[in-house]
Amino acid sequence: MGTWKRYLPFAFAVLFAALSSLSAYQFLKDRGNVSHAATAGDTMPVVVAKVGIPLGKKLTEQDLKVLPWPRDAVPTESFSSVRPLVGRIVKSDIIEDEPVLSAKLIGDGENFSSLIPSNMRGVTVPVRYSRALKEILQRGTTVDVISMTEHEIGPPRTTVIAQKVRVLAVHGEGAGLGQDRDSRDMEVVLIVTPRQAGSLVTAMNHGVIQLAVRNEVDEASGSIETMR
């Protein structure tokens, strides 16, 4: 009996130490959870571009992803969910990981012409159909515009009349261009300046238009040359 009483204080000490350790563990665990919640509370979900999205693209789920964004830096016109964006049309290029804003999408009351920037024009030109060209051409493609005119005397004359022009739309083959056009022409809508629009109309009335696809990051702009 005396031996049991002698070890009683030691037993209480061990029990108290165990309870203290358990309480400390629970406190640290709870503090970690609070800290994690606070960190998560500092962000909000924001829809961004998964890849670069060109002007005129109809958005799909594959184009978008959701990222946590600092709460105090969330753009006012951003979206927190992908669903309301599917099917919307982009009216301004969006780079990879850039938040998708309503200002960069065609909105209610707007139409396809809203894709044309201010002080620019959309001109439809007929281009000789080519399967390879049709596979390359798409909305946002950058091209140079070449006209070829034939003369009764001498060889045809080829002229580069516009450079670094953006494609707004491509319409199949044989788009009802009239009896004076080949039934296998494609219709391509180009975004050009008013001056280039005049040159295109003149070229269409006097010859044939062809497009030369160029790399969109190529900023080189050579002189406009005429070849005979």
C-alpha atoms as a PDB file:
ATOM      1  CA  MET A   1       0.000   0.000   0.000  1.00  0.00           C
ATOM      2  CA  GLY A   2       2.850   2.329   0.937  1.00  0.00           C
ATOM      3  CA  THR A   3       4.565   1.572  -2.359  1.00  0.00           C
ATOM      4  CA  TRP A   4       1.404   2.540  -4.372  1.00  0.00           C
ATOM      5  CA  LYS A   5       1.095   5.876  -2.532  1.00  0.00           C
ATOM      6  CA  ARG A   6       4.745   6.579  -3.197  1.00  0.00           C
ATOM      7  CA  TYR A   7       4.201   6.323  -7.026  1.00  0.00           C
ATOM      8  CA  LEU A   8       0.857   8.183  -7.050  1.00  0.00           C
ATOM      9  CA  PRO A   9       2.357  11.682  -7.604  1.00  0.00           C
ATOM     10  CA  PHE A  10       4.440  10.327 -10.484  1.00  0.00           C
ATOM     11  CA  ALA A  11       1.313   8.834 -12.090  1.00  0.00           C
ATOM     12  CA  PHE A  12      -0.528  12.142 -11.833  1.00  0.00           C
ATOM     13  CA  ALA A  13       2.461  13.918 -13.407  1.00  0.00           C
ATOM     14  CA  VAL A  14       2.502  11.521 -16.346  1.00  0.00           C
ATOM     15  CA  LEU A  15      -1.257  11.902 -16.843  1.00  0.00           C
ATOM     16  CA  PHE A  16      -1.020  15.705 -16.692  1.00  0.00           C
ATOM     17  CA  ALA A  17       1.846  15.708 -19.212  1.00  0.00           C
ATOM     18  CA  ALA A  18      -0.178  13.533 -21.582  1.00  0.00           C
ATOM     19  CA  LEU A  19      -3.216  15.791 -21.335  1.00  0.00           C
ATOM     20  CA  SER A  20      -1.051  18.857 -21.855  1.00  0.00           C
ATOM     21  CA  SER A  21       0.542  17.343 -24.964  1.00  0.00           C
ATOM     22  CA  LEU A  22      -2.871  16.450 -26.383  1.00  0.00           C
ATOM     23  CA  SER A  23      -4.157  19.974 -25.777  1.00  0.00           C
ATOM     24  CA  ALA A  24      -1.079  21.502 -27.360  1.00  0.00           C
ATOM     25  CA  TYR A  25      -1.444  19.239 -30.395  1.00  0.00           C
ATOM     26  CA  GLN A  26      -5.114  20.146 -30.789  1.00  0.00           C
ATOM     27  CA  PHE A  27      -4.309  23.862 -30.460  1.00  0.00           C
ATOM     28  CA  LEU A  28      -1.592  23.686 -33.096  1.00  0.00           C
ATOM     29  CA  LYS A  29      -3.894  21.692 -35.375  1.00  0.00           C
ATOM     30  CA  ASP A  30      -6.738  24.197 -34.984  1.00  0.00           C
ATOM     31  CA  ARG A  31      -4.392  27.116 -35.512  1.00  0.00           C
ATOM     32  CA  GLY A  32      -3.141  25.484 -38.702  1.00  0.00           C
ATOM     33  CA  ASN A  33      -6.684  25.049 -39.948  1.00  0.00           C
ATOM     34  CA  VAL A  34      -7.515  28.679 -39.151  1.00  0.00           C
ATOM     35  CA  SER A  35      -4.361  29.855 -40.888  1.00  0.00           C
ATOM     36  CA  HIS A  36      -5.218  27.780 -43.964  1.00  0.00           C
ATOM     37  CA  ALA A  37      -8.766  29.118 -43.994  1.00  0.00           C
ATOM     38  CA  ALA A  38      -7.485  32.670 -43.691  1.00  0.00           C
ATOM     39  CA  THR A  39      -5.140  32.108 -46.607  1.00  0.00           C
ATOM     40  CA  ALA A  40      -7.918  30.636 -48.702  1.00  0.00           C
ATOM     41  CA  GLY A  41     -10.128  33.540 -47.701  1.00  0.00           C
ATOM     42  CA  ASP A  42      -7.615  35.962 -49.209  1.00  0.00           C
ATOM     43  CA  THR A  43      -8.295  34.623 -52.710  1.00  0.00           C
ATOM     44  CA  MET A  44     -11.244  34.254 -55.034  1.00  0.00           C
ATOM     45  CA  PRO A  45     -11.756  32.004 -58.089  1.00  0.00           C
ATOM     46  CA  VAL A  46     -11.172  33.837 -61.369  1.00  0.00           C
ATOM     47  CA  VAL A  47     -11.586  32.406 -64.875  1.00  0.00           C
ATOM     48  CA  VAL A  48      -8.483  32.886 -67.048  1.00  0.00           C
ATOM     49  CA  ALA A  49      -7.406  31.811 -70.514  1.00  0.00           C
ATOM     50  CA  LYS A  50      -5.832  28.355 -70.516  1.00  0.00           C
ATOM     51  CA  VAL A  51      -4.136  29.236 -73.809  1.00  0.00           C
ATOM     52  CA  GLY A  52      -3.914  32.349 -75.962  1.00  0.00           C
ATOM     53  CA  ILE A  53      -7.379  33.126 -77.365  1.00  0.00           C
ATOM     54  CA  PRO A  54      -7.600  35.123 -80.615  1.00  0.00           C
ATOM     55  CA  LEU A  55     -10.162  37.736 -81.556  1.00  0.00           C
ATOM     56  CA  GLY A  56     -13.418  36.208 -82.815  1.00  0.00           C
ATOM     57  CA  LYS A  57     -12.996  32.838 -81.067  1.00  0.00           C
ATOM     58  CA  LYS A  58     -16.105  31.202 -79.639  1.00  0.00           C
ATOM     59  CA  LEU A  59     -15.136  30.100 -76.137  1.00  0.00           C
ATOM     60  CA  THR A  60     -15.203  26.458 -75.072  1.00  0.00           C
ATOM     61  CA  GLU A  61     -14.423  24.821 -71.741  1.00  0.00           C
ATOM     62  CA  GLN A  62     -11.056  23.753 -73.178  1.00  0.00           C
ATOM     63  CA  ASP A  63     -10.069  27.421 -73.610  1.00  0.00           C
ATOM     64  CA  LEU A  64     -10.576  28.292 -69.952  1.00  0.00           C
ATOM     65  CA  LYS A  65      -9.494  27.415 -66.433  1.00  0.00           C
ATOM     66  CA  VAL A  66     -10.095  28.763 -62.915  1.00  0.00           C
ATOM     67  CA  LEU A  67      -7.262  30.105 -60.753  1.00  0.00           C
ATOM     68  CA  PRO A  68      -7.219  31.504 -57.197  1.00  0.00           C
ATOM     69  CA  TRP A  69      -6.737  35.279 -57.430  1.00  0.00           C
ATOM     70  CA  PRO A  70      -5.853  37.737 -54.634  1.00  0.00           C
ATOM     71  CA  ARG A  71      -9.157  39.065 -53.335  1.00  0.00           C
ATOM     72  CA  ASP A  72      -8.037  42.687 -53.343  1.00  0.00           C
ATOM     73  CA  ALA A  73      -6.827  42.434 -56.970  1.00  0.00           C
ATOM     74  CA  VAL A  74      -9.775  40.669 -58.625  1.00  0.00           C
ATOM     75  CA  PRO A  75     -10.840  42.624 -61.757  1.00  0.00           C
ATOM     76  CA  THR A  76     -14.386  43.967 -61.489  1.00  0.00           C
ATOM     77  CA  GLU A  77     -15.441  42.466 -64.864  1.00  0.00           C
ATOM     78  CA  SER A  78     -14.023  38.996 -64.242  1.00  0.00           C
ATOM     79  CA  PHE A  79     -15.889  35.688 -63.892  1.00  0.00           C
ATOM     80  CA  SER A  80     -15.715  33.078 -61.136  1.00  0.00           C
ATOM     81  CA  SER A  81     -17.189  30.201 -63.168  1.00  0.00           C
ATOM     82  CA  VAL A  82     -16.486  28.807 -66.647  1.00  0.00           C
ATOM     83  CA  ARG A  83     -20.105  27.878 -67.430  1.00  0.00           C
ATOM     84  CA  PRO A  84     -21.466  31.378 -68.297  1.00  0.00           C
ATOM     85  CA  LEU A  85     -18.547  31.957 -70.678  1.00  0.00           C
ATOM     86  CA  VAL A  86     -18.981  28.900 -72.896  1.00  0.00           C
ATOM     87  CA  GLY A  87     -20.265  30.009 -76.303  1.00  0.00           C
ATOM     88  CA  ARG A  88     -19.350  33.680 -75.847  1.00  0.00           C
ATOM     89  CA  ILE A  89     -17.287  35.329 -78.605  1.00  0.00           C
ATOM     90  CA  VAL A  90     -14.021  37.127 -77.918  1.00  0.00           C
ATOM     91  CA  LYS A  91     -13.722  40.615 -79.411  1.00  0.00           C
ATOM     92  CA  SER A  92     -10.146  41.264 -78.290  1.00  0.00           C
ATOM     93  CA  ASP A  93      -7.131  38.952 -78.027  1.00  0.00           C
ATOM     94  CA  ILE A  94      -6.632  37.318 -74.614  1.00  0.00           C
ATOM     95  CA  ILE A  95      -3.201  35.997 -73.650  1.00  0.00           C
ATOM     96  CA  GLU A  96      -2.528  32.844 -71.648  1.00  0.00           C
ATOM     97  CA  ASP A  97      -3.434  33.139 -67.921  1.00  0.00           C
ATOM     98  CA  GLU A  98      -5.078  36.544 -68.473  1.00  0.00           C
ATOM     99  CA  PRO A  99      -8.427  36.964 -66.677  1.00  0.00           C
ATOM    100  CA  VAL A 100     -11.378  36.826 -69.060  1.00  0.00           C
ATOM    101  CA  LEU A 101     -13.252  40.126 -68.723  1.00  0.00           C
ATOM    102  CA  SER A 102     -16.715  40.992 -69.987  1.00  0.00           C
ATOM    103  CA  ALA A 103     -15.189  43.995 -71.802  1.00  0.00           C
ATOM    104  CA  LYS A 104     -13.318  41.552 -74.066  1.00  0.00           C
ATOM    105  CA  LEU A 105     -16.462  39.652 -75.065  1.00  0.00           C
ATOM    106  CA  ILE A 106     -19.326  40.479 -77.406  1.00  0.00           C
ATOM    107  CA  GLY A 107     -22.159  41.569 -75.166  1.00  0.00           C
ATOM    108  CA  ASP A 108     -25.925  41.915 -75.431  1.00  0.00           C
ATOM    109  CA  GLY A 109     -26.931  44.238 -78.238  1.00  0.00           C
ATOM    110  CA  GLU A 110     -23.585  43.844 -79.996  1.00  0.00           C
ATOM    111  CA  ASN A 111     -23.018  41.929 -83.210  1.00  0.00           C
ATOM    112  CA  PHE A 112     -20.189  40.571 -85.304  1.00  0.00           C
ATOM    113  CA  SER A 113     -19.235  44.064 -86.496  1.00  0.00           C
ATOM    114  CA  SER A 114     -18.145  44.906 -82.958  1.00  0.00           C
ATOM    115  CA  LEU A 115     -15.069  42.752 -83.647  1.00  0.00           C
ATOM    116  CA  ILE A 116     -13.831  45.452 -86.021  1.00  0.00           C
ATOM    117  CA  PRO A 117     -11.642  47.984 -84.158  1.00  0.00           C
ATOM    118  CA  SER A 118     -12.357  51.697 -84.344  1.00  0.00           C
ATOM    119  CA  ASN A 119     -11.169  53.439 -87.527  1.00  0.00           C
ATOM    120  CA  MET A 120     -10.871  50.096 -89.310  1.00  0.00           C
ATOM    121  CA  ARG A 121     -13.051  48.369 -91.903  1.00  0.00           C
ATOM    122  CA  GLY A 122     -14.118  44.823 -92.656  1.00  0.00           C
ATOM    123  CA  VAL A 123     -13.793  44.028 -96.365  1.00  0.00           C
ATOM    124  CA  THR A 124     -14.831  40.742 -97.958  1.00  0.00           C
ATOM    125  CA  VAL A 125     -12.488  39.537-100.685  1.00  0.00           C
ATOM    126  CA  PRO A 126     -12.741  36.475-102.946  1.00  0.00           C
ATOM    127  CA  VAL A 127      -9.709  34.198-102.825  1.00  0.00           C
ATOM    128  CA  ARG A 128      -9.034  31.223-105.088  1.00  0.00           C
ATOM    129  CA  TYR A 129      -9.945  28.102-103.129  1.00  0.00           C
ATOM    130  CA  SER A 130      -7.093  25.952-101.868  1.00  0.00           C
ATOM    131  CA  ARG A 131      -7.544  23.115 -99.393  1.00  0.00           C
ATOM    132  CA  ALA A 132      -4.182  23.860 -97.790  1.00  0.00           C
ATOM    133  CA  LEU A 133      -4.938  27.579 -97.509  1.00  0.00           C
ATOM    134  CA  LYS A 134      -8.373  26.915 -96.038  1.00  0.00           C
ATOM    135  CA  GLU A 135      -6.831  24.725 -93.327  1.00  0.00           C
ATOM    136  CA  ILE A 136      -4.412  27.515 -92.381  1.00  0.00           C
ATOM    137  CA  LEU A 137      -6.772  30.473 -92.630  1.00  0.00           C
ATOM    138  CA  GLN A 138      -8.881  31.134 -89.595  1.00  0.00           C
ATOM    139  CA  ARG A 139     -10.131  34.044 -87.565  1.00  0.00           C
ATOM    140  CA  GLY A 140      -7.117  35.973 -86.260  1.00  0.00           C
ATOM    141  CA  THR A 141      -4.629  34.753 -88.890  1.00  0.00           C
ATOM    142  CA  THR A 142      -2.213  37.439 -90.113  1.00  0.00           C
ATOM    143  CA  VAL A 143      -1.725  37.776 -93.867  1.00  0.00           C
ATOM    144  CA  ASP A 144      -0.279  39.946 -96.615  1.00  0.00           C
ATOM    145  CA  VAL A 145      -2.648  40.803 -99.464  1.00  0.00           C
ATOM    146  CA  ILE A 146      -1.384  40.409-103.045  1.00  0.00           C
ATOM    147  CA  SER A 147      -3.222  41.451-106.180  1.00  0.00           C
ATOM    148  CA  MET A 148      -2.497  40.208-109.697  1.00  0.00           C
ATOM    149  CA  THR A 149      -3.758  42.046-112.735  1.00  0.00           C
ATOM    150  CA  GLU A 150      -3.453  40.904-116.325  1.00  0.00           C
ATOM    151  CA  HIS A 151      -2.731  43.187-119.277  1.00  0.00           C
ATOM    152  CA  GLU A 152      -3.319  42.733-122.968  1.00  0.00           C
ATOM    153  CA  ILE A 153       0.339  43.506-123.565  1.00  0.00           C
ATOM    154  CA  GLY A 154       3.034  42.047-121.345  1.00  0.00           C
ATOM    155  CA  PRO A 155       2.970  39.662-118.383  1.00  0.00           C
ATOM    156  CA  PRO A 156       0.612  39.978-115.389  1.00  0.00           C
ATOM    157  CA  ARG A 157       1.514  42.528-112.724  1.00  0.00           C
ATOM    158  CA  THR A 158       1.653  41.450-109.074  1.00  0.00           C
ATOM    159  CA  THR A 159       1.444  43.987-106.258  1.00  0.00           C
ATOM    160  CA  VAL A 160       1.521  43.633-102.465  1.00  0.00           C
ATOM    161  CA  ILE A 161      -1.205  46.067-101.472  1.00  0.00           C
ATOM    162  CA  ALA A 162      -1.436  45.436 -97.710  1.00  0.00           C
ATOM    163  CA  GLN A 163       0.711  43.806 -95.034  1.00  0.00           C
ATOM    164  CA  LYS A 164       0.058  42.385 -91.549  1.00  0.00           C
ATOM    165  CA  VAL A 165      -3.700  42.262 -92.101  1.00  0.00           C
ATOM    166  CA  ARG A 166      -5.904  40.290 -89.699  1.00  0.00           C
ATOM    167  CA  VAL A 167      -8.499  37.794 -90.907  1.00  0.00           C
ATOM    168  CA  LEU A 168     -11.924  38.313 -89.352  1.00  0.00           C
ATOM    169  CA  ALA A 169     -13.794  35.419 -90.994  1.00  0.00           C
ATOM    170  CA  VAL A 170     -13.447  32.691 -93.624  1.00  0.00           C
ATOM    171  CA  HIS A 171     -16.440  31.362 -95.503  1.00  0.00           C
ATOM    172  CA  GLY A 172     -16.156  28.000 -97.293  1.00  0.00           C
ATOM    173  CA  GLU A 173     -16.077  27.652-101.028  1.00  0.00           C
ATOM    174  CA  GLY A 174     -18.424  28.998-103.638  1.00  0.00           C
ATOM    175  CA  ALA A 175     -20.125  31.594-101.443  1.00  0.00           C
ATOM    176  CA  GLY A 176     -22.429  32.991-104.100  1.00  0.00           C
ATOM    177  CA  LEU A 177     -19.954  35.460-105.491  1.00  0.00           C
ATOM    178  CA  GLY A 178     -21.717  35.810-108.816  1.00  0.00           C
ATOM    179  CA  GLN A 179     -21.315  34.400-112.280  1.00  0.00           C
ATOM    180  CA  ASP A 180     -18.169  36.438-112.923  1.00  0.00           C
ATOM    181  CA  ARG A 181     -16.333  34.648-110.092  1.00  0.00           C
ATOM    182  CA  ASP A 182     -15.064  31.089-109.981  1.00  0.00           C
ATOM    183  CA  SER A 183     -17.463  28.873-108.051  1.00  0.00           C
ATOM    184  CA  ARG A 184     -14.568  27.557-105.990  1.00  0.00           C
ATOM    185  CA  ASP A 185     -13.555  30.917-104.579  1.00  0.00           C
ATOM    186  CA  MET A 186     -13.552  31.444-100.813  1.00  0.00           C
ATOM    187  CA  GLU A 187     -14.798  34.577 -99.118  1.00  0.00           C
ATOM    188  CA  VAL A 188     -12.394  36.043 -96.572  1.00  0.00           C
ATOM    189  CA  VAL A 189     -13.226  39.072 -94.418  1.00  0.00           C
ATOM    190  CA  LEU A 190     -10.151  41.208 -93.701  1.00  0.00           C
ATOM    191  CA  ILE A 191      -9.718  43.992 -91.139  1.00  0.00           C
ATOM    192  CA  VAL A 192      -8.070  46.893 -92.961  1.00  0.00           C
ATOM    193  CA  THR A 193      -7.699  50.664 -92.864  1.00  0.00           C
ATOM    194  CA  PRO A 194     -10.077  52.777 -94.969  1.00  0.00           C
ATOM    195  CA  ARG A 195      -7.257  53.429 -97.451  1.00  0.00           C
ATOM    196  CA  GLN A 196      -6.478  49.709 -97.747  1.00  0.00           C
ATOM    197  CA  ALA A 197     -10.199  49.056 -98.225  1.00  0.00           C
ATOM    198  CA  GLY A 198     -10.169  51.308-101.291  1.00  0.00           C
ATOM    199  CA  SER A 199      -7.108  49.556-102.701  1.00  0.00           C
ATOM    200  CA  LEU A 200      -8.746  46.154-102.169  1.00  0.00           C
ATOM    201  CA  VAL A 201     -11.917  47.149-103.987  1.00  0.00           C
ATOM    202  CA  THR A 202      -9.895  48.491-106.906  1.00  0.00           C
ATOM    203  CA  ALA A 203      -7.787  45.323-107.025  1.00  0.00           C
ATOM    204  CA  MET A 204     -10.876  43.097-106.967  1.00  0.00           C
ATOM    205  CA  ASN A 205     -12.367  44.959-109.930  1.00  0.00           C
ATOM    206  CA  HIS A 206      -9.216  44.693-112.018  1.00  0.00           C
ATOM    207  CA  GLY A 207      -7.653  41.373-111.076  1.00  0.00           C
ATOM    208  CA  VAL A 208      -7.302  38.529-108.615  1.00  0.00           C
ATOM    209  CA  ILE A 209      -6.598  38.667-104.869  1.00  0.00           C
ATOM    210  CA  GLN A 210      -4.323  36.160-103.147  1.00  0.00           C
ATOM    211  CA  LEU A 211      -3.288  35.958 -99.492  1.00  0.00           C
ATOM    212  CA  ALA A 212       0.165  35.153 -98.145  1.00  0.00           C
ATOM    213  CA  VAL A 213       0.003  33.819 -94.588  1.00  0.00           C
ATOM    214  CA  ARG A 214       2.670  35.184 -92.251  1.00  0.00           C
ATOM    215  CA  ASN A 215       3.822  34.489 -88.704  1.00  0.00           C
ATOM    216  CA  GLU A 216       1.769  36.604 -86.304  1.00  0.00           C
ATOM    217  CA  VAL A 217       4.887  37.590 -84.336  1.00  0.00           C
ATOM    218  CA  ASP A 218       6.691  38.738 -87.476  1.00  0.00           C
ATOM    219  CA  GLU A 219       6.749  42.516 -87.248  1.00  0.00           C
ATOM    220  CA  ALA A 220       8.875  43.044 -90.360  1.00  0.00           C
ATOM    221  CA  SER A 221       7.222  45.218 -92.973  1.00  0.00           C
ATOM    222  CA  GLY A 222       8.932  45.390 -96.331  1.00  0.00           C
ATOM    223  CA  SER A 223       8.302  47.976 -98.995  1.00  0.00           C
ATOM    224  CA  ILE A 224       5.266  47.560-101.248  1.00  0.00           C
ATOM    225  CA  GLU A 225       6.693  46.276-104.485  1.00  0.00           C
ATOM    226  CA  THR A 226       5.247  45.775-107.921  1.00  0.00           C
ATOM    227  CA  MET A 227       6.435  42.828-109.989  1.00  0.00           C
ATOM    228  CA  ARG A 228       5.956  42.301-113.690  1.00  0.00           C
END
